[in-house]
Protein backbone atom coordinates (compact mmCIF):
# COMPACT_ATOMS: atom_id res chain seq x y z
CA MET A 1 -69.00 -6.04 -62.95
CA GLU A 2 -67.71 -3.73 -60.21
CA TYR A 3 -64.48 -4.46 -58.44
CA SER A 4 -64.34 -4.64 -54.65
CA ILE A 5 -61.57 -3.59 -52.29
CA LYS A 6 -60.99 -6.49 -49.90
CA LYS A 7 -59.58 -5.96 -46.40
CA ILE A 8 -57.09 -8.51 -45.15
CA CYS A 9 -58.68 -8.39 -41.69
CA GLU A 10 -61.23 -6.60 -39.56
CA TYR A 11 -59.52 -4.44 -36.95
CA GLU A 12 -60.44 -1.27 -35.10
CA GLY A 13 -56.93 0.15 -35.49
CA SER A 14 -54.84 0.31 -38.65
CA THR A 15 -53.32 -2.47 -40.74
CA LEU A 16 -50.24 -2.02 -42.88
CA LEU A 17 -48.32 -3.65 -45.71
CA GLY A 18 -44.66 -3.01 -46.52
CA MET A 19 -42.66 -1.63 -49.43
CA ASN A 20 -43.74 -1.75 -53.05
CA GLY A 21 -42.31 -4.95 -54.50
CA GLY A 22 -41.80 -6.39 -51.01
CA GLN A 23 -43.79 -9.59 -51.24
CA PRO A 24 -46.45 -10.13 -48.50
CA GLU A 25 -47.23 -13.68 -49.67
CA SER A 26 -45.32 -16.84 -48.82
CA PRO A 27 -43.67 -18.49 -51.85
CA ASP A 28 -46.21 -21.33 -51.81
CA GLY A 29 -49.06 -18.81 -51.85
CA LYS A 30 -50.58 -20.07 -48.61
CA LEU A 31 -49.99 -17.18 -46.19
CA ILE A 32 -50.05 -13.37 -46.04
CA VAL A 33 -48.01 -11.32 -43.58
CA TYR A 34 -49.27 -7.91 -42.45
CA ALA A 35 -49.05 -5.54 -39.51
CA LYS A 36 -51.53 -4.18 -36.97
CA LYS A 37 -51.00 -0.79 -35.35
CA PRO A 38 -53.44 0.48 -32.70
CA ASP A 39 -52.84 4.16 -33.47
CA ILE A 40 -50.85 5.47 -36.44
CA THR A 41 -50.85 8.99 -34.95
CA GLU A 42 -48.89 7.82 -31.89
CA THR A 43 -45.22 8.78 -32.34
CA VAL A 44 -43.51 7.57 -29.15
CA LYS A 45 -44.26 3.89 -28.50
CA GLN A 46 -45.10 3.08 -32.14
CA GLU A 47 -46.17 -0.40 -31.06
CA THR A 48 -46.88 -2.62 -34.07
CA GLN A 49 -47.91 -6.27 -34.20
CA ILE A 50 -47.02 -8.65 -37.01
CA TRP A 51 -49.67 -11.18 -38.01
CA VAL A 52 -50.18 -13.85 -40.68
CA CYS A 53 -53.33 -15.38 -42.14
CA ASP A 54 -54.39 -17.78 -44.88
CA ARG A 55 -54.03 -16.23 -48.30
CA ASP A 56 -57.10 -17.70 -50.00
CA THR A 57 -59.65 -17.62 -47.18
CA LEU A 58 -58.31 -14.71 -45.08
CA ALA A 59 -58.93 -16.99 -42.09
CA ASN A 60 -56.73 -18.33 -39.27
CA HIS A 61 -55.19 -15.01 -38.29
CA ARG A 62 -52.22 -15.58 -35.98
CA TYR A 63 -50.19 -13.13 -33.94
CA ILE A 64 -46.44 -13.48 -34.53
CA THR A 65 -44.56 -10.76 -32.64
CA THR A 66 -44.54 -7.10 -31.59
CA VAL A 67 -42.10 -4.50 -32.89
CA ARG A 68 -41.66 -0.74 -32.87
CA CYS A 69 -41.73 1.11 -36.19
CA GLY A 70 -43.09 4.13 -37.99
CA ASN A 71 -45.90 4.07 -40.53
CA HIS A 72 -43.72 4.45 -43.63
CA ASN A 73 -43.52 0.89 -44.99
CA GLY A 74 -44.56 -0.41 -41.55
CA PRO A 75 -42.22 -3.18 -40.37
CA SER A 76 -41.44 -4.08 -44.02
CA ALA A 77 -42.43 -7.67 -43.31
CA THR A 78 -41.96 -10.17 -46.15
CA PHE A 79 -41.54 -13.92 -46.48
CA VAL A 80 -38.06 -15.24 -47.20
CA ASP A 81 -39.34 -18.82 -47.56
CA ASN A 82 -42.52 -20.69 -46.67
CA GLU A 83 -41.78 -20.72 -42.94
CA HIS A 84 -39.79 -17.55 -42.24
CA ILE A 85 -40.41 -13.82 -42.43
CA VAL A 86 -38.00 -10.91 -42.24
CA PHE A 87 -39.05 -7.63 -40.64
CA ARG A 88 -37.59 -4.50 -39.13
CA ASP A 89 -37.74 -3.29 -35.56
CA SER A 90 -36.41 -0.23 -33.77
CA SER A 91 -34.70 0.04 -30.41
CA ARG A 92 -32.05 2.35 -29.01
CA LYS A 93 -33.08 4.66 -31.89
CA LEU A 94 -31.56 2.19 -34.34
CA SER A 95 -33.18 0.04 -36.98
CA SER A 96 -32.65 -3.71 -36.91
CA PHE A 97 -34.05 -6.74 -38.69
CA GLN A 98 -34.83 -10.32 -37.69
CA ILE A 99 -35.71 -13.51 -39.50
CA LEU A 100 -38.32 -15.49 -37.59
CA ASN A 101 -40.26 -18.75 -37.99
CA VAL A 102 -44.00 -17.99 -38.26
CA TYR A 103 -44.94 -21.45 -36.96
CA THR A 104 -42.68 -21.66 -33.90
CA GLY A 105 -42.19 -17.95 -33.19
CA LYS A 106 -38.45 -18.54 -32.81
CA THR A 107 -35.90 -16.11 -34.21
CA LEU A 108 -33.61 -17.78 -36.74
CA TYR A 109 -31.20 -14.86 -37.30
CA GLY A 110 -30.86 -11.50 -35.62
CA PRO A 111 -31.59 -9.03 -34.43
CA ILE A 112 -29.01 -7.46 -36.74
CA PHE A 113 -28.69 -3.69 -36.42
CA ALA A 114 -28.59 -2.55 -40.03
CA LYS A 115 -30.66 -1.01 -42.80
CA GLU A 116 -33.07 -3.62 -44.09
CA SER A 117 -33.82 -4.30 -47.78
CA HIS A 118 -36.95 -4.96 -49.84
CA CYS A 119 -36.88 -8.75 -49.84
CA ALA A 120 -34.78 -11.89 -50.13
CA GLU A 121 -33.69 -13.25 -53.51
CA ASN A 122 -32.38 -16.69 -54.45
CA GLY A 123 -31.66 -17.64 -50.85
CA TYR A 124 -29.95 -14.41 -49.78
CA TYR A 125 -31.09 -11.37 -47.85
CA PRO A 126 -29.10 -8.15 -48.52
CA PHE A 127 -28.64 -5.31 -46.06
CA SER A 128 -26.36 -2.33 -45.51
CA ILE A 129 -24.20 -1.12 -42.63
CA SER A 130 -23.49 2.60 -42.19
CA GLU A 131 -21.44 4.38 -39.51
CA ALA A 132 -24.40 4.44 -37.12
CA PHE A 133 -24.41 0.61 -36.94
CA LEU A 134 -20.70 0.04 -36.38
CA GLY A 135 -20.05 -1.60 -33.02
CA LYS A 136 -23.73 -2.37 -32.47
CA ASN A 137 -23.61 -6.05 -33.48
CA PRO A 138 -21.36 -7.93 -31.01
CA ALA A 139 -23.01 -11.22 -32.02
CA TYR A 140 -21.95 -10.54 -35.62
CA PRO A 141 -18.34 -9.32 -35.43
CA GLN A 142 -17.94 -9.59 -39.21
CA LEU A 143 -20.10 -6.45 -39.53
CA ASP A 144 -17.06 -4.31 -38.82
CA THR A 145 -17.09 -1.85 -41.71
CA CYS A 146 -19.59 0.15 -43.73
CA GLY A 147 -20.87 -1.62 -46.80
CA ILE A 148 -23.36 -4.05 -48.30
CA TYR A 149 -23.71 -7.57 -46.92
CA LEU A 150 -25.55 -10.75 -47.90
CA LEU A 151 -27.06 -13.12 -45.33
CA ASN A 152 -27.19 -16.73 -46.50
CA LEU A 153 -30.61 -17.91 -45.35
CA LYS A 154 -29.65 -21.58 -45.28
CA ASN A 155 -26.64 -21.42 -42.99
CA GLY A 156 -26.59 -17.89 -41.56
CA GLN A 157 -23.24 -17.00 -43.07
CA ILE A 158 -22.72 -13.31 -43.84
CA ARG A 159 -20.58 -12.02 -46.71
CA ARG A 160 -19.61 -8.45 -47.47
CA VAL A 161 -19.96 -7.70 -51.18
CA ALA A 162 -19.08 -3.98 -51.12
CA ASP A 163 -17.25 -1.74 -48.68
CA LYS A 164 -17.15 2.01 -48.11
CA GLU A 165 -14.24 2.52 -50.49
CA THR A 166 -16.02 0.71 -53.31
CA VAL A 167 -19.11 2.87 -52.88
CA TYR A 168 -17.14 6.12 -52.75
CA ASN A 169 -15.10 5.18 -55.81
CA MET A 170 -18.15 4.26 -57.87
CA VAL A 171 -19.78 7.58 -57.00
CA VAL A 172 -16.70 9.66 -57.85
CA ASN A 173 -15.97 7.74 -61.06
CA ALA A 174 -19.52 8.47 -62.22
CA GLY A 175 -18.98 12.21 -61.77
CA CYS A 176 -21.05 12.46 -58.60
CA VAL A 177 -20.01 14.21 -55.39
CA PRO A 178 -20.13 12.15 -52.17
CA ASP A 179 -21.70 13.70 -49.08
CA GLU A 180 -21.91 12.71 -45.43
CA HIS A 181 -24.81 10.34 -46.16
CA THR A 182 -23.36 8.51 -49.17
CA THR A 183 -22.52 5.38 -47.19
CA SER A 184 -25.96 5.33 -45.56
CA MET A 185 -27.32 3.28 -48.44
CA SER A 186 -30.99 2.43 -48.69
CA HIS A 187 -33.28 0.34 -50.91
CA VAL A 188 -30.63 -2.35 -51.27
CA GLN A 189 -31.96 -5.00 -53.64
CA LEU A 190 -30.60 -8.15 -55.26
CA ASN A 191 -31.50 -9.09 -58.80
CA PRO A 192 -33.42 -12.40 -59.15
CA SER A 193 -30.27 -14.53 -59.51
CA ALA A 194 -28.49 -12.64 -56.67
CA THR A 195 -25.54 -11.75 -58.93
CA ARG A 196 -26.02 -7.97 -58.80
CA VAL A 197 -27.00 -5.60 -56.03
CA MET A 198 -28.43 -2.11 -56.38
CA MET A 199 -28.76 0.67 -53.83
CA ARG A 200 -29.94 4.25 -53.48
CA LEU A 201 -27.08 6.68 -52.88
CA SER A 202 -27.14 10.17 -51.44
CA VAL A 203 -24.85 12.50 -53.43
CA ALA A 204 -24.37 16.25 -53.16
CA ASN A 205 -24.98 17.04 -56.84
CA CYS A 206 -28.28 15.13 -57.02
CA PRO A 207 -30.14 16.62 -54.04
CA ILE A 208 -33.68 15.74 -55.16
CA PHE A 209 -33.55 12.23 -56.58
CA GLY A 210 -30.14 10.96 -55.48
CA ALA A 211 -28.19 8.38 -57.47
CA LEU A 212 -28.77 4.69 -58.16
CA GLY A 213 -25.78 2.40 -57.85
CA CYS A 214 -25.28 -1.17 -59.03
CA ILE A 215 -22.44 -3.59 -58.27
CA ASP A 216 -21.85 -6.86 -60.10
CA ILE A 217 -21.03 -9.23 -57.25
CA GLU A 218 -19.16 -11.67 -59.48
CA THR A 219 -17.03 -9.24 -61.52
CA GLY A 220 -16.90 -6.16 -59.29
CA SER A 221 -18.00 -3.86 -62.10
CA THR A 222 -20.04 -0.84 -60.99
CA HIS A 223 -22.73 1.35 -62.54
CA VAL A 224 -24.28 4.63 -61.39
CA ILE A 225 -27.34 6.58 -62.58
CA PRO A 226 -27.24 10.22 -61.37
CA ASP A 227 -30.63 11.87 -60.71
CA LYS A 228 -32.09 8.41 -60.74
CA PRO A 229 -35.61 7.28 -61.53
CA VAL A 230 -37.50 6.58 -58.32
CA HIS A 231 -38.88 3.57 -56.42
CA GLN A 232 -36.78 1.27 -58.53
CA LEU A 233 -37.17 -2.50 -58.66
CA TRP A 234 -35.35 -5.11 -60.70
CA TYR A 235 -37.23 -5.83 -63.93
CA ASP A 236 -35.01 -8.83 -64.65
CA ASP A 237 -31.39 -9.77 -63.95
CA ASP A 238 -30.01 -6.90 -66.03
CA THR A 239 -32.49 -4.00 -66.05
CA TYR A 240 -34.64 -1.89 -63.71
CA MET A 241 -38.24 -0.73 -63.68
CA ALA A 242 -38.83 2.61 -62.00
CA THR A 243 -40.70 5.90 -62.28
CA ARG A 244 -38.99 8.68 -64.19
CA GLN A 245 -39.87 11.98 -62.58
CA TYR A 246 -39.01 15.58 -63.39
CA HIS A 247 -38.58 18.60 -61.11
CA ASN A 248 -39.67 21.91 -62.61
CA GLY A 249 -37.80 24.07 -60.11
CA GLU A 250 -40.69 24.21 -57.66
CA ARG A 251 -42.09 20.70 -57.42
CA ILE A 252 -41.84 17.18 -58.78
CA GLU A 253 -44.31 16.99 -61.66
CA MET A 254 -47.00 14.38 -61.38
CA GLU A 255 -48.26 14.80 -64.94
CA THR A 256 -44.99 13.95 -66.69
CA SER A 257 -44.06 10.92 -64.57
CA ARG A 258 -43.79 7.62 -66.44
CA ILE A 259 -43.14 4.02 -65.44
CA GLN A 260 -40.16 2.96 -67.54
CA ARG A 261 -37.49 0.32 -67.95
CA PHE A 262 -33.81 1.25 -67.65
CA SER A 263 -30.39 -0.24 -68.19
CA VAL A 264 -28.04 -0.25 -65.19
CA ASP A 265 -26.36 2.82 -66.72
CA GLY A 266 -29.62 4.76 -67.01
CA GLU A 267 -30.62 4.32 -70.64
CA CYS A 268 -34.40 4.28 -71.02
CA LEU A 269 -35.20 1.04 -72.83
CA GLU A 270 -38.99 1.30 -72.97
CA THR A 271 -42.02 2.96 -71.42
CA LEU A 272 -44.00 0.43 -69.41
CA GLY A 273 -46.85 2.60 -68.11
CA GLY A 274 -48.08 6.12 -67.43
CA ILE A 275 -48.29 8.20 -64.26
CA GLY A 276 -46.89 6.52 -61.16
CA ASN A 277 -44.75 6.92 -58.09
CA HIS A 278 -44.48 3.68 -56.08
CA ILE A 279 -44.67 0.93 -58.71
CA ASP A 280 -44.57 -2.81 -59.36
CA GLY A 281 -44.77 -5.19 -62.31
CA SER A 282 -46.69 -8.44 -62.65
CA PRO A 283 -44.57 -11.62 -62.58
CA ASP A 284 -44.94 -12.02 -66.35
CA ARG A 285 -44.11 -8.30 -66.84
CA GLN A 286 -47.22 -7.70 -68.93
CA TRP A 287 -48.94 -5.45 -66.37
CA PHE A 288 -47.65 -2.56 -64.31
CA VAL A 289 -49.14 -0.67 -61.42
CA GLY A 290 -48.31 2.73 -59.98
CA ASP A 291 -49.86 5.03 -57.41
CA ARG A 292 -50.55 8.75 -57.82
CA ALA A 293 -48.94 9.48 -54.47
CA TYR A 294 -48.21 13.15 -55.12
CA PRO A 295 -49.12 15.97 -52.72
CA ASP A 296 -52.60 17.49 -53.20
CA TYR A 297 -53.83 14.65 -55.47
CA PRO A 298 -56.06 11.71 -54.57
CA ALA A 299 -53.79 8.67 -54.29
CA ASP A 300 -55.40 6.73 -57.13
CA ILE A 301 -53.68 3.52 -58.20
CA PHE A 302 -53.38 2.93 -61.94
CA LEU A 303 -53.12 -0.45 -63.66
CA TYR A 304 -51.41 -0.38 -67.08
CA ARG A 305 -51.02 -2.85 -69.87
CA ARG A 306 -47.37 -2.99 -70.83
CA GLY A 307 -46.44 -0.03 -72.99
CA GLN A 308 -49.69 1.87 -72.45
CA VAL A 309 -49.71 5.26 -70.70
CA GLU A 310 -53.50 5.31 -70.24
CA PRO A 311 -54.65 3.06 -67.40
CA ALA A 312 -56.65 -0.08 -68.09
CA ALA A 313 -58.19 0.32 -64.63
CA THR A 314 -58.10 2.72 -61.71
CA PHE A 315 -58.75 1.87 -58.06
CA GLY A 316 -58.14 3.17 -54.54
CA GLY A 317 -58.68 6.90 -54.98
CA GLN A 318 -58.37 7.81 -51.31
CA ASN A 319 -57.77 11.52 -50.69
CA PHE A 320 -56.64 11.71 -47.08
CA GLN A 321 -53.66 14.01 -47.44
CA ASP A 322 -52.63 14.05 -43.77
CA CYS A 323 -52.67 10.26 -43.59
CA ILE A 324 -50.60 9.92 -46.77
CA TRP A 325 -48.08 12.70 -46.14
CA LYS A 326 -47.96 13.68 -42.46
CA LEU A 327 -48.40 10.12 -41.25
CA LYS A 328 -46.49 8.70 -44.26
CA VAL A 329 -48.88 5.94 -45.26
CA HIS A 330 -48.07 5.40 -48.94
CA PRO A 331 -50.16 3.04 -51.11
CA ASN A 332 -47.15 0.91 -52.22
CA PRO A 333 -49.06 -1.29 -54.72
CA THR A 334 -47.59 -4.78 -55.08
CA PHE A 335 -48.57 -7.74 -57.26
CA SER A 336 -49.19 -11.14 -55.73
CA ARG A 337 -46.85 -13.96 -56.67
CA ASP A 338 -49.37 -15.33 -59.21
CA GLY A 339 -50.15 -11.87 -60.62
CA LYS A 340 -53.86 -12.18 -59.83
CA ARG A 341 -53.97 -9.68 -56.96
CA ILE A 342 -52.65 -6.23 -56.20
CA TYR A 343 -51.98 -5.50 -52.53
CA PHE A 344 -51.88 -1.92 -51.24
CA ASN A 345 -52.27 0.38 -48.24
CA HIS A 346 -55.69 2.02 -48.27
CA PRO A 347 -56.30 5.01 -45.95
CA VAL A 348 -59.94 5.20 -44.89
CA SER A 349 -59.63 8.39 -42.83
CA GLU A 350 -56.96 10.90 -41.91
CA THR A 351 -55.99 8.73 -38.93
CA ARG A 352 -56.64 5.15 -40.05
CA THR A 353 -55.54 2.87 -42.88
CA GLU A 354 -56.27 -0.70 -43.99
CA ALA A 355 -54.15 -3.36 -45.69
CA CYS A 356 -56.17 -4.33 -48.75
CA PHE A 357 -56.10 -5.96 -52.16
CA VAL A 358 -58.08 -6.08 -55.38
CA GLU A 359 -58.48 -8.97 -57.78
CA MET A 360 -57.14 -8.38 -61.31
CA GLU A 361 -60.03 -10.30 -62.86
CA GLU A 362 -62.56 -8.00 -61.20
CA LEU A 363 -60.67 -4.86 -62.13
CA LEU A 364 -60.51 -5.74 -65.80
CA ALA A 365 -64.03 -7.17 -65.99
CA GLY A 366 -65.43 -3.89 -64.74
CA LYS A 367 -64.06 -2.01 -67.77
């Protein structure tokens, strides 16, 4: 049995999905959110539309709103509950995010000028404020200092869980050297119970991979991994899954990369899969997926059984280097909430890409 790559919609332009691990499905499994972009080579207007459709039938496509964004992760649209999505926009050369009802089209919260995160967890959406965003949120005066904040999705209350001093201290105490970008934190993510938050940190002594920080929201304890593994996601409440990469002095090696599990202090606990870059794990953590998004290689996507470094299946395989690197369309494979699908960005030419998925059953039956 051969597997088939299924497009989410027919469209003459490009369609995009967001970050790896950023869930495109609604929690009840009824809807998919994706983006349409008329021209991914256009760098000025960057007009992008956000749409939803039925998950099972791929029918009933509905336009939601229009934003401006680049191709890398698109508008990072994900569901925060069955009715609301969060997505990023750009205006005044600043990134912002909004939470909007997909049935009424009304904005629930935002826009908030900040650095968005991967997704909501346990009723909270995390985000970060750096110097560039200070003074840009008059409707949210509590965003008055650099740090990490949580938005309560039920009542709209915002709480700061880390400030600039906390971040600097955790970096210095770990033996890292802060630089001018240290407080411009990215990839902020809550663990499933929303008791810990992690973030990517720029530090002077880790110029290639940066550092990975973690703060226990309840106790205030901090953890830092210098020269971190990349494209990290929470594996569970206490550990990460990420790709360990090595730099040989000239390039990051594709061949030696491995999908692994780590403690918050950087100890490798187990190898989960083989070659990867952007990664995700199935909800039951028995399957792992990673793309070969490395320059000069076809961007194959590999599916691994837990603990195996040889793939159980390979799909994608697009080799449009300009689309992947110059236009920054990365595959970003992501499991569906039930673990039966893998969503990904699939370039079909050097100037066009499609939001697609494959069915796990088909992939494994074809082997």
